[in-house]
Structures are given as structure tokens and as C-alpha cells.
Amino acid sequence: IGLGYIGLPTAALLANADMEVVGIDVNLQRVEQINNCELQISEPGLRSMVTRAVKSGRLHAKVEMQLADIYLVCVPTPLTENNTPNMEYVDDVIDSLVPFLKENDLVILESTSPVGTTTSIKSKIKAMRPELFTSKSTIHFAYCPERMIPGNALDELVANDRVVGGVTNADSQLAAKFYRQFVQAKIHLTDAQTAEMVKL
């Protein structure tokens, strides 16, 4: 969710790792460009990777939220004039996501966020969908900051160590299993608050 400088390379990597990926973005022009393999993001190797992913049928870009098993949130959190984070985009994503969630889904936040955000997201969703949080059912939540330099994104998303922090240990393990499908470097397990602090 969010097909910018982080979301699009990540979506392309996942699709080329044989995963079925739906990329969500509110910008209709961007969605159409991606589906037509026309990119505005200048990142070495990205155009060819997106083209392979789209033509293989494993990557589709859409404006509306879609049903999935894993939701990866990569939307901007710009600073306001008062140097506080604007969490509006994250809040909008969570509101859009809630009706689609089902048992055992995994929600991963990558957007730079204040410490405690991932836990707060869980609390918000639990209040809105309590039937998903029982002794037999749950939704998993984790935070995993990206670490990359523009111009070398595709290499660094694969080759850099990743810090993965879940709200629970089971959440951490599940998120780490997901990242191991395309990250070749070491994955460091921790809790969500520590992972958020690492990014800051």
C-alpha cells in the first residue's frame, strides 16, 4: 500500500520472487503508469523489474483496497510545520484496510512512525473488529523499517540487514518469515517499539 520510492521497488521484488502482489495507491495516474510499465520513478533496474512483474501477471496496481493475506504499508509520514509527524496517510490506510481483514492476516508497517504506532494500530483495529481477536483467531502486526539509498534501492532492499519487530513474538516470527522470501541479509528480531526506534 503506497507505490512510491519504497513501495514500488518492494512490490516489484516480491512479484519477481513469485508472489502474487497487488499494489495500492491513491494516485490513479501512477496506477495506470505502472500497469502500462511506464514509470516516473528514476531507479536503476526498476523499469525492467516492474515490466517483468506486470507482464507475468504477478503484479497489478489498483486504486481501491483489495483482499490479501499480508498488507505492507509504505505510505509517507511527512513532518508538519511544527516538526510533528503527519500520520494522516497511515490513518487513512488503516481505515480502508479494516473491512478487508480476516483471521491470521499480517499487517506490516514500514512508514517512519513514532514509537508505539504499530501497537496503536492493533488497538484501533481490535476496537473496530473485535471478532477477529479471540482465543482462536488473531491479526498479526509488525514494524519493519526499510534501509536504502535512492539509486541503489533494488540491491539494498535485498542485501541490507532488516530489523523486524512484532507486537508479539509470534508476530515477529511471522513477519520475519515473509521477509526471508526476498531478503538475503540477516534479519534481526525484536519488538515493534524497538524497531520503530531503530528507524528514528
N, C-alpha and C. Protein backbone atom coordinates (compact mmCIF):
# COMPACT_ATOMS: atom_id res chain seq x y z
N ILE A 1 0.86 -1.17 0.00
CA ILE A 1 0.00 0.00 0.00
C ILE A 1 0.90 1.23 0.00
N GLY A 2 0.87 1.97 -1.13
CA GLY A 2 1.80 3.07 -1.33
C GLY A 2 2.85 2.65 -2.35
N LEU A 3 2.79 3.19 -3.56
CA LEU A 3 3.69 2.75 -4.64
C LEU A 3 4.68 3.85 -5.01
N GLY A 4 5.36 4.36 -4.00
CA GLY A 4 6.37 5.39 -4.21
C GLY A 4 7.77 4.80 -4.26
N TYR A 5 8.75 5.55 -3.74
CA TYR A 5 10.15 5.17 -3.84
C TYR A 5 10.48 3.90 -3.06
N ILE A 6 9.67 3.56 -2.07
CA ILE A 6 9.87 2.33 -1.31
C ILE A 6 8.89 1.25 -1.77
N GLY A 7 7.63 1.61 -1.85
CA GLY A 7 6.58 0.63 -2.14
C GLY A 7 6.71 -0.04 -3.49
N LEU A 8 7.01 0.74 -4.53
CA LEU A 8 7.08 0.14 -5.87
C LEU A 8 8.26 -0.82 -6.03
N PRO A 9 9.48 -0.45 -5.63
CA PRO A 9 10.57 -1.43 -5.72
C PRO A 9 10.28 -2.69 -4.90
N THR A 10 9.68 -2.51 -3.72
CA THR A 10 9.37 -3.67 -2.89
C THR A 10 8.33 -4.55 -3.58
N ALA A 11 7.29 -3.95 -4.14
CA ALA A 11 6.26 -4.71 -4.85
C ALA A 11 6.85 -5.48 -6.02
N ALA A 12 7.75 -4.83 -6.76
CA ALA A 12 8.38 -5.49 -7.91
C ALA A 12 9.26 -6.66 -7.46
N LEU A 13 10.00 -6.46 -6.38
CA LEU A 13 10.83 -7.55 -5.86
C LEU A 13 9.98 -8.74 -5.44
N LEU A 14 8.89 -8.46 -4.74
CA LEU A 14 8.01 -9.54 -4.27
C LEU A 14 7.41 -10.30 -5.44
N ALA A 15 6.95 -9.55 -6.44
CA ALA A 15 6.33 -10.19 -7.61
C ALA A 15 7.34 -11.04 -8.36
N ASN A 16 8.58 -10.58 -8.43
CA ASN A 16 9.61 -11.35 -9.12
C ASN A 16 10.16 -12.49 -8.26
N ALA A 17 9.71 -12.53 -7.00
CA ALA A 17 10.01 -13.68 -6.13
C ALA A 17 8.83 -14.65 -6.11
N ASP A 18 8.00 -14.56 -7.17
CA ASP A 18 6.88 -15.48 -7.39
C ASP A 18 5.72 -15.29 -6.41
N MET A 19 5.59 -14.11 -5.84
CA MET A 19 4.42 -13.81 -5.02
C MET A 19 3.39 -13.05 -5.84
N GLU A 20 2.12 -13.25 -5.50
CA GLU A 20 1.04 -12.51 -6.15
C GLU A 20 0.90 -11.17 -5.42
N VAL A 21 1.14 -10.07 -6.12
CA VAL A 21 1.19 -8.76 -5.49
C VAL A 21 0.17 -7.82 -6.11
N VAL A 22 -0.61 -7.17 -5.26
CA VAL A 22 -1.47 -6.08 -5.69
C VAL A 22 -0.93 -4.81 -5.04
N GLY A 23 -0.50 -3.87 -5.85
CA GLY A 23 -0.01 -2.60 -5.34
C GLY A 23 -1.15 -1.59 -5.29
N ILE A 24 -1.33 -0.94 -4.14
CA ILE A 24 -2.41 0.02 -3.96
C ILE A 24 -1.83 1.43 -3.85
N ASP A 25 -2.42 2.35 -4.59
CA ASP A 25 -2.01 3.75 -4.48
C ASP A 25 -3.22 4.64 -4.82
N VAL A 26 -3.34 5.76 -4.12
CA VAL A 26 -4.48 6.66 -4.35
C VAL A 26 -4.33 7.47 -5.63
N ASN A 27 -3.11 7.49 -6.18
CA ASN A 27 -2.83 8.27 -7.39
C ASN A 27 -3.16 7.43 -8.63
N LEU A 28 -4.31 7.74 -9.25
CA LEU A 28 -4.77 6.96 -10.40
C LEU A 28 -3.77 6.99 -11.55
N GLN A 29 -3.15 8.16 -11.79
CA GLN A 29 -2.18 8.26 -12.88
C GLN A 29 -1.00 7.33 -12.63
N ARG A 30 -0.52 7.27 -11.40
CA ARG A 30 0.59 6.37 -11.07
C ARG A 30 0.20 4.92 -11.27
N VAL A 31 -1.01 4.57 -10.84
CA VAL A 31 -1.50 3.20 -11.00
C VAL A 31 -1.54 2.82 -12.48
N GLU A 32 -2.08 3.70 -13.31
CA GLU A 32 -2.17 3.42 -14.75
C GLU A 32 -0.78 3.30 -15.37
N GLN A 33 0.14 4.16 -14.95
CA GLN A 33 1.50 4.10 -15.49
C GLN A 33 2.18 2.78 -15.15
N ILE A 34 2.00 2.32 -13.91
CA ILE A 34 2.61 1.05 -13.50
C ILE A 34 2.03 -0.11 -14.30
N ASN A 35 0.72 -0.12 -14.44
CA ASN A 35 0.08 -1.21 -15.20
C ASN A 35 0.48 -1.19 -16.67
N ASN A 36 0.91 -0.02 -17.16
CA ASN A 36 1.40 0.10 -18.54
C ASN A 36 2.92 0.06 -18.62
N CYS A 37 3.55 -0.27 -17.48
CA CYS A 37 5.03 -0.36 -17.40
C CYS A 37 5.70 0.96 -17.75
N GLU A 38 5.06 2.06 -17.39
CA GLU A 38 5.63 3.40 -17.59
C GLU A 38 5.87 4.01 -16.21
N LEU A 39 7.13 4.25 -15.88
CA LEU A 39 7.46 4.71 -14.53
C LEU A 39 7.94 6.15 -14.52
N GLN A 40 7.57 6.87 -13.45
CA GLN A 40 8.09 8.21 -13.21
C GLN A 40 9.25 8.19 -12.22
N ILE A 41 9.39 7.09 -11.51
CA ILE A 41 10.48 6.95 -10.54
C ILE A 41 11.75 6.54 -11.28
N SER A 42 12.81 7.32 -11.09
CA SER A 42 14.08 7.02 -11.75
C SER A 42 14.95 6.20 -10.80
N GLU A 43 14.91 4.90 -10.98
CA GLU A 43 15.68 3.99 -10.14
C GLU A 43 16.28 2.91 -11.04
N PRO A 44 17.61 2.78 -11.07
CA PRO A 44 18.26 1.82 -11.96
C PRO A 44 17.69 0.41 -11.82
N GLY A 45 17.28 -0.17 -12.94
CA GLY A 45 16.78 -1.53 -12.95
C GLY A 45 15.31 -1.69 -12.62
N LEU A 46 14.68 -0.61 -12.13
CA LEU A 46 13.29 -0.75 -11.68
C LEU A 46 12.31 -0.94 -12.83
N ARG A 47 12.52 -0.20 -13.92
CA ARG A 47 11.58 -0.32 -15.04
C ARG A 47 11.53 -1.76 -15.57
N SER A 48 12.69 -2.38 -15.75
CA SER A 48 12.70 -3.75 -16.28
C SER A 48 12.10 -4.73 -15.28
N MET A 49 12.35 -4.50 -13.99
CA MET A 49 11.79 -5.39 -12.98
C MET A 49 10.27 -5.26 -12.92
N VAL A 50 9.75 -4.03 -12.98
CA VAL A 50 8.31 -3.81 -12.98
C VAL A 50 7.69 -4.41 -14.24
N THR A 51 8.34 -4.23 -15.37
CA THR A 51 7.83 -4.78 -16.63
C THR A 51 7.71 -6.29 -16.56
N ARG A 52 8.73 -6.97 -16.04
CA ARG A 52 8.66 -8.42 -15.89
C ARG A 52 7.52 -8.83 -14.96
N ALA A 53 7.38 -8.10 -13.87
CA ALA A 53 6.36 -8.44 -12.87
C ALA A 53 4.95 -8.25 -13.43
N VAL A 54 4.74 -7.14 -14.13
CA VAL A 54 3.41 -6.86 -14.70
C VAL A 54 3.08 -7.85 -15.80
N LYS A 55 4.03 -8.09 -16.71
CA LYS A 55 3.76 -8.98 -17.84
C LYS A 55 3.62 -10.44 -17.41
N SER A 56 4.17 -10.78 -16.26
CA SER A 56 4.00 -12.15 -15.75
C SER A 56 2.62 -12.33 -15.11
N GLY A 57 1.94 -11.22 -14.85
CA GLY A 57 0.63 -11.28 -14.20
C GLY A 57 0.70 -11.34 -12.69
N ARG A 58 1.91 -11.23 -12.13
CA ARG A 58 2.03 -11.30 -10.67
C ARG A 58 1.95 -9.94 -9.98
N LEU A 59 2.00 -8.86 -10.75
CA LEU A 59 1.88 -7.51 -10.17
C LEU A 59 0.77 -6.74 -10.87
N HIS A 60 -0.18 -6.29 -10.08
CA HIS A 60 -1.27 -5.44 -10.56
C HIS A 60 -1.33 -4.21 -9.66
N ALA A 61 -1.49 -3.05 -10.23
CA ALA A 61 -1.66 -1.83 -9.44
C ALA A 61 -3.13 -1.43 -9.47
N LYS A 62 -3.65 -1.02 -8.31
CA LYS A 62 -5.05 -0.64 -8.20
C LYS A 62 -5.19 0.56 -7.26
N VAL A 63 -6.32 1.25 -7.40
CA VAL A 63 -6.60 2.40 -6.54
C VAL A 63 -7.34 1.98 -5.28
N GLU A 64 -8.21 1.00 -5.41
CA GLU A 64 -9.03 0.55 -4.29
C GLU A 64 -8.35 -0.59 -3.53
N MET A 65 -8.57 -0.63 -2.22
CA MET A 65 -8.03 -1.70 -1.39
C MET A 65 -8.54 -3.05 -1.86
N GLN A 66 -7.71 -4.08 -1.73
CA GLN A 66 -8.04 -5.42 -2.18
C GLN A 66 -7.83 -6.42 -1.05
N LEU A 67 -8.49 -7.56 -1.15
CA LEU A 67 -8.33 -8.63 -0.19
C LEU A 67 -6.95 -9.26 -0.34
N ALA A 68 -6.27 -9.51 0.78
CA ALA A 68 -4.93 -10.10 0.74
C ALA A 68 -4.69 -10.88 2.03
N ASP A 69 -3.53 -11.50 2.11
CA ASP A 69 -3.11 -12.20 3.33
C ASP A 69 -2.09 -11.37 4.11
N ILE A 70 -1.29 -10.60 3.39
CA ILE A 70 -0.27 -9.74 4.01
C ILE A 70 -0.43 -8.33 3.46
N TYR A 71 -0.48 -7.36 4.36
CA TYR A 71 -0.61 -5.96 3.97
C TYR A 71 0.66 -5.22 4.39
N LEU A 72 1.35 -4.64 3.42
CA LEU A 72 2.61 -3.93 3.67
C LEU A 72 2.36 -2.44 3.44
N VAL A 73 2.44 -1.65 4.51
CA VAL A 73 2.08 -0.23 4.46
C VAL A 73 3.35 0.61 4.27
N CYS A 74 3.45 1.29 3.11
CA CYS A 74 4.64 2.08 2.76
C CYS A 74 4.22 3.48 2.31
N VAL A 75 3.44 4.16 3.13
CA VAL A 75 2.96 5.49 2.75
C VAL A 75 3.78 6.57 3.46
N PRO A 76 3.78 7.80 2.94
CA PRO A 76 4.59 8.87 3.53
C PRO A 76 4.07 9.29 4.90
N THR A 77 4.99 9.72 5.74
CA THR A 77 4.65 10.35 7.03
C THR A 77 5.45 11.65 7.13
N PRO A 78 5.10 12.66 6.34
CA PRO A 78 5.89 13.90 6.31
C PRO A 78 5.78 14.68 7.61
N LEU A 79 6.78 15.49 7.88
CA LEU A 79 6.73 16.35 9.05
C LEU A 79 5.86 17.57 8.78
N THR A 80 5.14 18.01 9.80
CA THR A 80 4.34 19.23 9.71
C THR A 80 5.25 20.43 9.95
N GLU A 81 4.67 21.63 9.87
CA GLU A 81 5.44 22.85 10.15
C GLU A 81 5.96 22.87 11.58
N ASN A 82 5.29 22.16 12.48
CA ASN A 82 5.70 22.11 13.89
C ASN A 82 6.64 20.94 14.17
N ASN A 83 7.15 20.31 13.11
CA ASN A 83 8.06 19.17 13.24
C ASN A 83 7.43 17.99 13.96
N THR A 84 6.13 17.81 13.78
CA THR A 84 5.46 16.61 14.26
C THR A 84 5.06 15.77 13.05
N PRO A 85 5.02 14.45 13.20
CA PRO A 85 4.71 13.61 12.04
C PRO A 85 3.24 13.72 11.63
N ASN A 86 3.01 13.82 10.35
CA ASN A 86 1.66 13.80 9.81
C ASN A 86 1.30 12.35 9.52
N MET A 87 0.44 11.77 10.37
CA MET A 87 0.09 10.36 10.26
C MET A 87 -1.20 10.14 9.48
N GLU A 88 -1.65 11.17 8.77
CA GLU A 88 -2.93 11.12 8.06
C GLU A 88 -2.97 9.97 7.05
N TYR A 89 -1.87 9.78 6.30
CA TYR A 89 -1.87 8.74 5.28
C TYR A 89 -1.95 7.34 5.90
N VAL A 90 -1.23 7.14 6.99
CA VAL A 90 -1.29 5.85 7.69
C VAL A 90 -2.70 5.62 8.23
N ASP A 91 -3.28 6.65 8.84
CA ASP A 91 -4.64 6.52 9.39
C ASP A 91 -5.65 6.18 8.29
N ASP A 92 -5.50 6.82 7.14
CA ASP A 92 -6.42 6.54 6.03
C ASP A 92 -6.29 5.10 5.55
N VAL A 93 -5.05 4.61 5.49
CA VAL A 93 -4.82 3.23 5.07
C VAL A 93 -5.49 2.25 6.03
N ILE A 94 -5.30 2.48 7.32
CA ILE A 94 -5.88 1.57 8.31
C ILE A 94 -7.40 1.58 8.21
N ASP A 95 -8.00 2.74 8.06
CA ASP A 95 -9.46 2.82 7.91
C ASP A 95 -9.94 2.04 6.69
N SER A 96 -9.18 2.12 5.60
CA SER A 96 -9.55 1.41 4.37
C SER A 96 -9.34 -0.10 4.50
N LEU A 97 -8.39 -0.47 5.33
CA LEU A 97 -7.99 -1.87 5.48
C LEU A 97 -8.96 -2.67 6.34
N VAL A 98 -9.52 -2.03 7.34
CA VAL A 98 -10.31 -2.73 8.36
C VAL A 98 -11.39 -3.66 7.79
N PRO A 99 -12.19 -3.23 6.81
CA PRO A 99 -13.24 -4.13 6.32
C PRO A 99 -12.71 -5.38 5.60
N PHE A 100 -11.47 -5.36 5.16
CA PHE A 100 -10.92 -6.47 4.39
C PHE A 100 -10.22 -7.52 5.25
N LEU A 101 -9.92 -7.18 6.50
CA LEU A 101 -9.11 -8.08 7.32
C LEU A 101 -9.87 -9.36 7.67
N LYS A 102 -9.10 -10.45 7.74
CA LYS A 102 -9.65 -11.75 8.10
C LYS A 102 -8.66 -12.45 9.03
N GLU A 103 -9.07 -13.58 9.55
CA GLU A 103 -8.28 -14.32 10.52
C GLU A 103 -6.87 -14.61 10.00
N ASN A 104 -5.88 -14.34 10.87
CA ASN A 104 -4.47 -14.64 10.64
C ASN A 104 -3.79 -13.77 9.58
N ASP A 105 -4.40 -12.68 9.16
CA ASP A 105 -3.72 -11.75 8.27
C ASP A 105 -2.53 -11.11 8.99
N LEU A 106 -1.58 -10.61 8.20
CA LEU A 106 -0.39 -9.94 8.72
C LEU A 106 -0.35 -8.52 8.19
N VAL A 107 -0.26 -7.55 9.11
CA VAL A 107 -0.16 -6.15 8.74
C VAL A 107 1.23 -5.66 9.15
N ILE A 108 2.01 -5.20 8.17
CA ILE A 108 3.37 -4.71 8.43
C ILE A 108 3.44 -3.24 8.07
N LEU A 109 3.90 -2.44 9.00
CA LEU A 109 4.11 -1.01 8.76
C LEU A 109 5.59 -0.76 8.49
N GLU A 110 5.89 -0.10 7.36
CA GLU A 110 7.27 0.30 7.06
C GLU A 110 7.46 1.81 7.14
N SER A 111 6.38 2.56 7.13
CA SER A 111 6.46 4.02 7.16
C SER A 111 7.13 4.50 8.45
N THR A 112 7.98 5.51 8.34
CA THR A 112 8.61 6.11 9.51
C THR A 112 7.53 6.63 10.45
N SER A 113 7.54 6.15 11.71
CA SER A 113 6.43 6.43 12.61
C SER A 113 6.92 6.60 14.04
N PRO A 114 6.17 7.35 14.85
CA PRO A 114 6.52 7.48 16.27
C PRO A 114 6.49 6.14 16.98
N VAL A 115 7.30 6.00 18.01
CA VAL A 115 7.32 4.77 18.80
C VAL A 115 5.93 4.53 19.40
N GLY A 116 5.43 3.33 19.20
CA GLY A 116 4.11 2.98 19.71
C GLY A 116 3.03 2.93 18.64
N THR A 117 3.36 3.35 17.42
CA THR A 117 2.36 3.41 16.35
C THR A 117 1.79 2.03 16.02
N THR A 118 2.64 1.03 15.89
CA THR A 118 2.17 -0.30 15.50
C THR A 118 1.21 -0.87 16.53
N THR A 119 1.54 -0.70 17.80
CA THR A 119 0.66 -1.16 18.87
C THR A 119 -0.66 -0.39 18.85
N SER A 120 -0.59 0.90 18.57
CA SER A 120 -1.81 1.72 18.49
C SER A 120 -2.70 1.26 17.34
N ILE A 121 -2.09 0.89 16.22
CA ILE A 121 -2.85 0.39 15.07
C ILE A 121 -3.59 -0.89 15.46
N LYS A 122 -2.91 -1.78 16.17
CA LYS A 122 -3.56 -3.01 16.62
C LYS A 122 -4.76 -2.69 17.51
N SER A 123 -4.57 -1.76 18.44
CA SER A 123 -5.65 -1.39 19.36
C SER A 123 -6.84 -0.81 18.60
N LYS A 124 -6.56 0.02 17.62
CA LYS A 124 -7.63 0.63 16.82
C LYS A 124 -8.42 -0.43 16.06
N ILE A 125 -7.70 -1.34 15.40
CA ILE A 125 -8.38 -2.38 14.63
C ILE A 125 -9.14 -3.34 15.54
N LYS A 126 -8.57 -3.64 16.69
CA LYS A 126 -9.24 -4.53 17.64
C LYS A 126 -10.56 -3.93 18.11
N ALA A 127 -10.57 -2.60 18.30
CA ALA A 127 -11.80 -1.93 18.73
C ALA A 127 -12.86 -1.96 17.62
N MET A 128 -12.42 -1.93 16.37
CA MET A 128 -13.34 -1.89 15.25
C MET A 128 -13.78 -3.29 14.80
N ARG A 129 -12.90 -4.28 14.99
CA ARG A 129 -13.21 -5.66 14.55
C ARG A 129 -12.88 -6.65 15.67
N PRO A 130 -13.56 -6.56 16.82
CA PRO A 130 -13.21 -7.43 17.96
C PRO A 130 -13.38 -8.91 17.66
N GLU A 131 -14.23 -9.26 16.69
CA GLU A 131 -14.46 -10.68 16.38
C GLU A 131 -13.22 -11.36 15.80
N LEU A 132 -12.25 -10.54 15.34
CA LEU A 132 -11.03 -11.10 14.78
C LEU A 132 -9.98 -11.39 15.85
N PHE A 133 -10.26 -10.99 17.09
CA PHE A 133 -9.29 -11.15 18.17
C PHE A 133 -9.91 -12.01 19.27
N THR A 134 -9.80 -13.32 19.12
CA THR A 134 -10.35 -14.27 20.08
C THR A 134 -9.27 -15.28 20.43
N SER A 135 -9.62 -16.25 21.25
CA SER A 135 -8.64 -17.29 21.62
C SER A 135 -8.27 -18.16 20.42
N LYS A 136 -9.11 -18.15 19.38
CA LYS A 136 -8.86 -18.98 18.20
C LYS A 136 -8.48 -18.17 16.97
N SER A 137 -8.47 -16.87 17.09
CA SER A 137 -8.24 -16.01 15.91
C SER A 137 -7.48 -14.76 16.31
N THR A 138 -6.66 -14.28 15.41
CA THR A 138 -5.99 -13.01 15.67
C THR A 138 -5.48 -12.43 14.35
N ILE A 139 -5.13 -11.16 14.40
CA ILE A 139 -4.43 -10.49 13.31
C ILE A 139 -3.02 -10.19 13.81
N HIS A 140 -2.03 -10.34 12.94
CA HIS A 140 -0.64 -10.14 13.34
C HIS A 140 -0.15 -8.76 12.88
N PHE A 141 0.66 -8.13 13.74
CA PHE A 141 1.14 -6.78 13.45
C PHE A 141 2.64 -6.69 13.68
N ALA A 142 3.33 -6.03 12.74
CA ALA A 142 4.78 -5.87 12.89
C ALA A 142 5.24 -4.56 12.25
N TYR A 143 6.42 -4.13 12.68
CA TYR A 143 7.05 -2.95 12.10
C TYR A 143 8.40 -3.37 11.55
N CYS A 144 8.69 -2.93 10.31
CA CYS A 144 9.98 -3.24 9.70
C CYS A 144 10.45 -2.04 8.88
N PRO A 145 11.37 -1.26 9.40
CA PRO A 145 11.85 -0.10 8.64
C PRO A 145 12.70 -0.51 7.45
N GLU A 146 12.50 0.19 6.32
CA GLU A 146 13.39 -0.04 5.19
C GLU A 146 14.66 0.78 5.39
N ARG A 147 15.73 0.29 4.79
CA ARG A 147 17.02 0.99 4.84
C ARG A 147 17.61 0.94 3.45
N MET A 148 17.53 2.05 2.73
CA MET A 148 18.08 2.05 1.38
C MET A 148 18.40 3.45 0.93
N ILE A 149 19.31 3.54 -0.02
CA ILE A 149 19.68 4.82 -0.62
C ILE A 149 19.08 4.86 -2.02
N PRO A 150 18.32 5.90 -2.35
CA PRO A 150 17.81 6.03 -3.72
C PRO A 150 18.95 5.93 -4.73
N GLY A 151 18.71 5.21 -5.81
CA GLY A 151 19.74 4.95 -6.80
C GLY A 151 20.34 3.57 -6.66
N ASN A 152 20.11 2.95 -5.49
CA ASN A 152 20.60 1.59 -5.28
C ASN A 152 19.53 0.76 -4.56
N ALA A 153 18.27 1.14 -4.75
CA ALA A 153 17.17 0.57 -3.97
C ALA A 153 17.05 -0.94 -4.14
N LEU A 154 17.09 -1.42 -5.37
CA LEU A 154 16.82 -2.84 -5.60
C LEU A 154 17.88 -3.73 -4.96
N ASP A 155 19.13 -3.29 -4.97
CA ASP A 155 20.19 -4.07 -4.32
C ASP A 155 20.05 -4.00 -2.80
N GLU A 156 19.79 -2.80 -2.28
CA GLU A 156 19.79 -2.64 -0.83
C GLU A 156 18.57 -3.26 -0.16
N LEU A 157 17.44 -3.31 -0.86
CA LEU A 157 16.26 -3.97 -0.29
C LEU A 157 16.49 -5.45 -0.08
N VAL A 158 17.40 -6.01 -0.87
CA VAL A 158 17.73 -7.43 -0.78
C VAL A 158 18.93 -7.68 0.11
N ALA A 159 19.94 -6.81 0.02
CA ALA A 159 21.24 -7.08 0.63
C ALA A 159 21.43 -6.47 2.01
N ASN A 160 20.59 -5.53 2.42
CA ASN A 160 20.74 -4.93 3.74
C ASN A 160 20.07 -5.77 4.82
N ASP A 161 20.69 -5.80 6.01
CA ASP A 161 20.03 -6.41 7.16
C ASP A 161 18.70 -5.71 7.41
N ARG A 162 17.75 -6.43 7.97
CA ARG A 162 16.45 -5.85 8.31
C ARG A 162 16.15 -6.09 9.79
N VAL A 163 15.52 -5.09 10.40
CA VAL A 163 15.04 -5.19 11.77
C VAL A 163 13.54 -5.41 11.70
N VAL A 164 13.08 -6.49 12.31
CA VAL A 164 11.65 -6.84 12.28
C VAL A 164 11.14 -6.92 13.71
N GLY A 165 10.14 -6.12 14.01
CA GLY A 165 9.59 -6.11 15.36
C GLY A 165 8.09 -6.29 15.36
N GLY A 166 7.63 -7.35 15.99
CA GLY A 166 6.20 -7.60 16.09
C GLY A 166 5.64 -7.09 17.40
N VAL A 167 4.32 -6.95 17.46
CA VAL A 167 3.66 -6.61 18.72
C VAL A 167 3.81 -7.78 19.70
N THR A 168 3.77 -9.00 19.16
CA THR A 168 4.06 -10.20 19.95
C THR A 168 5.22 -10.94 19.29
N ASN A 169 5.79 -11.91 20.00
CA ASN A 169 6.87 -12.70 19.42
C ASN A 169 6.39 -13.49 18.21
N ALA A 170 5.17 -13.99 18.28
CA ALA A 170 4.61 -14.73 17.14
C ALA A 170 4.49 -13.82 15.92
N ASP A 171 4.13 -12.55 16.15
CA ASP A 171 4.05 -11.57 15.06
C ASP A 171 5.43 -11.37 14.43
N SER A 172 6.45 -11.25 15.28
CA SER A 172 7.82 -11.06 14.78
C SER A 172 8.24 -12.23 13.91
N GLN A 173 7.97 -13.44 14.38
CA GLN A 173 8.36 -14.64 13.65
C GLN A 173 7.66 -14.72 12.29
N LEU A 174 6.38 -14.39 12.27
CA LEU A 174 5.62 -14.45 11.02
C LEU A 174 6.12 -13.40 10.02
N ALA A 175 6.38 -12.19 10.50
CA ALA A 175 6.89 -11.14 9.62
C ALA A 175 8.28 -11.49 9.10
N ALA A 176 9.12 -12.05 9.96
CA ALA A 176 10.47 -12.45 9.53
C ALA A 176 10.40 -13.52 8.44
N LYS A 177 9.46 -14.45 8.57
CA LYS A 177 9.27 -15.49 7.55
C LYS A 177 8.94 -14.86 6.20
N PHE A 178 8.12 -13.81 6.23
CA PHE A 178 7.78 -13.10 5.00
C PHE A 178 9.01 -12.45 4.37
N TYR A 179 9.79 -11.71 5.17
CA TYR A 179 10.95 -11.00 4.62
C TYR A 179 12.04 -11.96 4.13
N ARG A 180 12.13 -13.12 4.73
CA ARG A 180 13.15 -14.09 4.30
C ARG A 180 12.90 -14.60 2.88
N GLN A 181 11.74 -14.34 2.34
CA GLN A 181 11.45 -14.78 0.97
C GLN A 181 12.19 -13.94 -0.07
N PHE A 182 12.67 -12.75 0.33
CA PHE A 182 13.42 -11.95 -0.65
C PHE A 182 14.64 -11.24 -0.08
N VAL A 183 14.77 -11.14 1.23
CA VAL A 183 15.94 -10.51 1.85
C VAL A 183 17.03 -11.57 2.03
N GLN A 184 18.22 -11.27 1.52
CA GLN A 184 19.32 -12.23 1.60
C GLN A 184 20.22 -12.00 2.80
N ALA A 185 20.10 -10.82 3.43
CA ALA A 185 20.94 -10.49 4.58
C ALA A 185 20.28 -10.98 5.87
N LYS A 186 20.88 -10.62 6.99
CA LYS A 186 20.39 -11.08 8.29
C LYS A 186 19.14 -10.31 8.69
N ILE A 187 18.22 -11.01 9.33
CA ILE A 187 17.01 -10.39 9.86
C ILE A 187 17.09 -10.42 11.38
N HIS A 188 17.02 -9.24 11.98
CA HIS A 188 17.15 -9.09 13.43
C HIS A 188 15.77 -8.99 14.05
N LEU A 189 15.41 -9.92 14.92
CA LEU A 189 14.10 -9.92 15.54
C LEU A 189 14.09 -9.10 16.82
N THR A 190 13.04 -8.31 16.99
CA THR A 190 12.88 -7.51 18.21
C THR A 190 11.39 -7.25 18.38
N ASP A 191 11.04 -6.27 19.19
CA ASP A 191 9.63 -5.90 19.34
C ASP A 191 9.34 -4.66 18.52
N ALA A 192 8.06 -4.35 18.35
CA ALA A 192 7.66 -3.26 17.45
C ALA A 192 8.21 -1.91 17.89
N GLN A 193 8.18 -1.64 19.19
CA GLN A 193 8.66 -0.33 19.66
C GLN A 193 10.15 -0.15 19.39
N THR A 194 10.92 -1.20 19.57
CA THR A 194 12.37 -1.11 19.31
C THR A 194 12.61 -0.90 17.82
N ALA A 195 11.89 -1.62 16.98
CA ALA A 195 12.05 -1.46 15.53
C ALA A 195 11.69 -0.03 15.09
N GLU A 196 10.65 0.53 15.68
CA GLU A 196 10.27 1.92 15.37
C GLU A 196 11.36 2.89 15.79
N MET A 197 11.97 2.63 16.94
CA MET A 197 13.05 3.49 17.44
C MET A 197 14.29 3.36 16.58
N VAL A 198 14.56 2.15 16.09
CA VAL A 198 15.70 1.94 15.19
C VAL A 198 15.58 2.84 13.97
N LYS A 199 14.38 2.91 13.39
CA LYS A 199 14.19 3.75 12.21
C LYS A 199 14.40 5.23 12.54
N LEU A 200 13.85 5.66 13.67
CA LEU A 200 14.00 7.07 14.05
C LEU A 200 15.46 7.42 14.30
